[in-house]
Amino acid sequence: MGAAQRLAELGLSLPAVAAPVAAYVPAVRSGRYVHTSGQLPFVDGTLPATGKVGADVGPDEAAALARTAAINALAAVAALVEREGGPAGADALDRVVRVVKVVGFVASDPSFTAQPAVINGASLLLHDVLGEAGVHARSAVGVAVLPLDSPVEVEIVVELAD
């Protein structure tokens, strides 16, 4: 089953790639690897929540936001593959051989220590969409603040087939 079908079964679709908020691009390719910039959980151009996890945002809501950020990261990968002449839309994700690494940042209240549970929202989404290719190494890091007061940010590195 391809990524497009898995997304459809999950009731999801790839969003448009968010425009960068500074001097960078959403994703770059080096050899077989695509590195995404940190992706915020934008939905239709806005953040559905802001603030610190453990104070302003609950852990379950933050995990859902991490899931959204991961979808946005997949959209950045798919857009890059399409720009390079590969398949369009979610079909581009069938070129992903492996999600190599996920780095998740959680804007945390000082007493909040469940960052791995929050970033698990992103990890589970990647597995749900890409199957075994979505299994990855990961870091989950608590930080004081993220851009635009986002509760989470996710970046991924994927390996593409030749």
Protein backbone atom coordinates (compact mmCIF):
# COMPACT_ATOMS: atom_id res chain seq x y z
CA MET A 1 0.00 0.00 0.00
CA GLY A 2 1.38 3.42 -0.93
CA ALA A 3 1.65 6.53 1.21
CA ALA A 4 -1.23 8.24 -0.59
CA GLN A 5 -3.56 5.36 0.26
CA ARG A 6 -2.38 5.26 3.88
CA LEU A 7 -2.97 9.00 4.21
CA ALA A 8 -6.47 8.61 2.75
CA GLU A 9 -7.26 5.78 5.17
CA LEU A 10 -6.15 8.03 8.03
CA GLY A 11 -8.41 10.80 6.72
CA LEU A 12 -5.38 12.99 6.01
CA SER A 13 -3.90 14.80 3.05
CA LEU A 14 -0.65 16.62 2.53
CA PRO A 15 -1.05 20.35 3.11
CA ALA A 16 0.58 23.08 1.07
CA VAL A 17 4.10 23.72 2.30
CA ALA A 18 4.24 26.66 4.68
CA ALA A 19 6.23 29.63 3.44
CA PRO A 20 9.49 30.10 5.35
CA VAL A 21 9.39 32.82 8.01
CA ALA A 22 13.07 33.76 7.46
CA ALA A 23 16.01 33.09 5.11
CA TYR A 24 15.82 29.32 4.54
CA VAL A 25 13.99 26.72 2.45
CA PRO A 26 11.57 24.05 3.70
CA ALA A 27 13.78 21.14 2.58
CA VAL A 28 17.11 20.45 0.90
CA ARG A 29 18.52 17.34 -0.69
CA SER A 30 22.09 16.11 -0.33
CA GLY A 31 22.67 12.91 -2.25
CA ARG A 32 19.95 10.46 -1.26
CA TYR A 33 19.00 12.39 1.89
CA VAL A 34 16.41 15.12 2.37
CA HIS A 35 16.69 17.32 5.44
CA THR A 36 13.66 19.39 6.33
CA SER A 37 13.74 22.64 8.17
CA GLY A 38 11.91 22.64 11.48
CA GLN A 39 8.20 22.44 10.77
CA LEU A 40 5.63 24.09 12.98
CA PRO A 41 2.12 22.64 13.31
CA PHE A 42 0.52 25.12 10.91
CA VAL A 43 -3.02 24.34 9.78
CA ASP A 44 -4.20 26.53 6.91
CA GLY A 45 -1.44 29.03 7.67
CA THR A 46 -2.12 29.45 11.38
CA LEU A 47 -0.98 27.82 14.60
CA PRO A 48 -3.93 26.12 16.31
CA ALA A 49 -2.32 26.64 19.73
CA THR A 50 0.53 28.60 21.27
CA GLY A 51 2.37 28.55 24.56
CA LYS A 52 4.25 26.17 26.80
CA VAL A 53 3.45 22.48 27.06
CA GLY A 54 2.59 21.64 30.64
CA ALA A 55 1.22 25.13 31.31
CA ASP A 56 -0.76 26.51 28.35
CA VAL A 57 -1.03 23.33 26.24
CA GLY A 58 -1.72 19.82 27.53
CA PRO A 59 0.46 16.85 26.59
CA ASP A 60 -2.21 15.17 24.45
CA GLU A 61 -2.89 18.37 22.51
CA ALA A 62 0.86 18.84 22.07
CA ALA A 63 1.20 15.28 20.71
CA ALA A 64 -1.52 16.07 18.17
CA LEU A 65 0.38 19.22 17.21
CA ALA A 66 3.57 17.17 16.77
CA ARG A 67 1.60 14.89 14.45
CA THR A 68 0.56 17.93 12.40
CA ALA A 69 4.15 19.18 12.28
CA ALA A 70 5.22 15.74 10.97
CA ILE A 71 2.58 15.92 8.22
CA ASN A 72 3.99 19.33 7.32
CA ALA A 73 7.50 17.83 7.19
CA LEU A 74 6.27 15.09 4.85
CA ALA A 75 4.69 17.77 2.67
CA ALA A 76 8.08 19.53 2.44
CA VAL A 77 9.72 16.25 1.37
CA ALA A 78 7.02 15.55 -1.22
CA ALA A 79 7.25 19.08 -2.64
CA LEU A 80 11.02 18.72 -3.06
CA VAL A 81 10.65 15.35 -4.83
CA GLU A 82 8.02 16.84 -7.14
CA ARG A 83 10.22 19.90 -7.91
CA GLU A 84 12.98 17.49 -8.93
CA GLY A 85 10.68 15.83 -11.48
CA GLY A 86 9.46 12.96 -9.31
CA PRO A 87 5.89 11.92 -8.58
CA ALA A 88 3.46 14.58 -7.40
CA GLY A 89 1.64 14.93 -4.10
CA ALA A 90 1.54 12.06 -1.64
CA ASP A 91 2.77 9.67 -4.34
CA ALA A 92 6.17 11.38 -3.96
CA LEU A 93 6.41 9.83 -0.50
CA ASP A 94 6.70 6.39 -2.07
CA ARG A 95 10.30 7.42 -2.87
CA VAL A 96 11.10 7.45 0.87
CA VAL A 97 13.20 4.41 1.74
CA ARG A 98 13.61 5.32 5.39
CA VAL A 99 12.96 8.11 7.84
CA VAL A 100 16.47 8.29 9.27
CA LYS A 101 16.07 10.81 12.08
CA VAL A 102 13.40 12.90 13.76
CA VAL A 103 14.24 15.82 16.00
CA GLY A 104 11.36 17.22 17.99
CA PHE A 105 11.41 20.37 20.05
CA VAL A 106 8.84 21.00 22.78
CA ALA A 107 8.40 24.47 24.28
CA SER A 108 8.13 23.29 27.86
CA ASP A 109 7.05 24.63 31.18
CA PRO A 110 10.09 24.15 33.48
CA SER A 111 8.32 21.35 35.34
CA PHE A 112 7.29 19.44 32.19
CA THR A 113 9.42 16.37 31.46
CA ALA A 114 7.33 14.27 29.05
CA GLN A 115 8.85 15.55 25.81
CA PRO A 116 9.24 12.01 24.39
CA ALA A 117 5.50 11.37 24.77
CA VAL A 118 4.74 14.61 22.91
CA ILE A 119 7.08 13.85 20.00
CA ASN A 120 5.64 10.35 19.83
CA GLY A 121 2.74 12.01 18.01
CA ALA A 122 5.13 12.69 15.12
CA SER A 123 6.77 9.26 15.32
CA LEU A 124 3.48 7.39 15.20
CA LEU A 125 2.27 9.46 12.24
CA LEU A 126 5.43 8.69 10.26
CA HIS A 127 5.00 4.97 10.92
CA ASP A 128 1.29 5.11 10.07
CA VAL A 129 1.99 6.80 6.72
CA LEU A 130 5.25 5.11 5.69
CA GLY A 131 5.05 1.73 7.42
CA GLU A 132 8.43 0.22 8.31
CA ALA A 133 10.17 2.99 6.34
CA GLY A 134 8.81 5.38 8.96
CA VAL A 135 10.71 3.76 11.85
CA HIS A 136 13.53 6.12 12.85
CA ALA A 137 16.06 7.37 15.36
CA ARG A 138 14.81 10.35 17.36
CA SER A 139 15.58 13.14 19.78
CA ALA A 140 12.92 14.91 21.86
CA VAL A 141 14.18 18.14 23.36
CA GLY A 142 12.57 20.56 25.77
CA VAL A 143 13.23 24.22 25.01
CA ALA A 144 12.26 27.56 26.54
CA VAL A 145 10.52 28.98 23.47
CA LEU A 146 9.95 28.22 19.77
CA PRO A 147 9.23 30.51 16.81
CA LEU A 148 5.85 32.26 16.94
CA ASP A 149 5.35 30.76 20.43
CA SER A 150 4.62 27.35 18.85
CA PRO A 151 4.36 24.51 21.38
CA VAL A 152 6.25 22.07 19.10
CA GLU A 153 8.58 21.94 16.11
CA VAL A 154 9.61 18.83 14.17
CA GLU A 155 12.36 18.26 11.62
CA ILE A 156 13.08 15.04 9.75
CA VAL A 157 15.80 13.46 7.64
CA VAL A 158 14.68 10.93 5.06
CA GLU A 159 16.53 8.72 2.61
CA LEU A 160 15.12 8.55 -0.92
CA ALA A 161 15.35 5.72 -3.42
CA ASP A 162 17.56 6.39 -6.43
